[in-house]
Amino acid sequence: MPWFKVDDALAFSMKAINAGNPALGLWVRAGSWSMQQLTDGFVPGSMVPALGGTEADAEALVTARLWHPHDGGFRFHDWSDYQPTKEQVLAERAAATERKRVSREKSRQRSQGESRRDARGIDAVIPASPTRPDPTRPPSTTPDGAVEGSREAALSPFCPKHQPNGPDGKSCRACGDARMALEVSRAATRAKPTPLPTRDPECETHPGYPLPCDRCAREAAEVAS
């Protein structure tokens, strides 16, 4: 919203003193109206009584050179030197609208994923991870082959003090312990489990007898004889 600006030296300026308080009241109200309507300081003659002024007040402003007669009305003296013009106000409104649009777009992107900087220092939006794994897609892996999100991927070959690039050639016992823990985790993850021994299916009539059940065969032979 634009504002009608009043100089802090107006109170005792000769123009204001010569115009008088009634005329100066009209001048202030007319300035506020002109800024709201974006008329660039033009006040139609019909607006003078609507703003509480009289013809005498308008003439006093003209005599004091605060107004100039113009096309059936009056125009403020040097309006564009002290007040923003219609063109400037509309340009600022358009810029504010664009700033709000960009802000809303950034908020929408942040709500859909997390923002981080890539290697070039440019903001990149990373889509949020799905709440459920997709069995049709292979698991993502880190550069050293660990499955993302696994305990192995969470481990680091360096201690917290030397993250993320290591101790820069210096010996660090804590980094050595971290590397050992990582290797143990990798070995445990990649080791093939020993298959459990399997048992032959058992006879439901004679538990403990594998199929085909010899006891069932003997009993059937006895019945047949």
Foldseek 3Di string as FASTA:
>chain_A
DFDQDDDPPLVPDPLDVQLDDQLVQLVRQQSRVCVVVQVLFWDAPVCQVVSVHDPSSVVSNVVSQQWDDDDRTIGGDPSVVRGPHPVRVVVVVVVVVVVVVVVVVVVVLVVQAPWDADPVRDIDGDGDDDPDDDPVDDFDADPVGHGPPDPLVVQALADPVQPDPHPVPDDDVRSNVSNVVSVVVVCVVPDDDDDDDDDADADPVDPPAHPVGPVVVVVVVVVVD
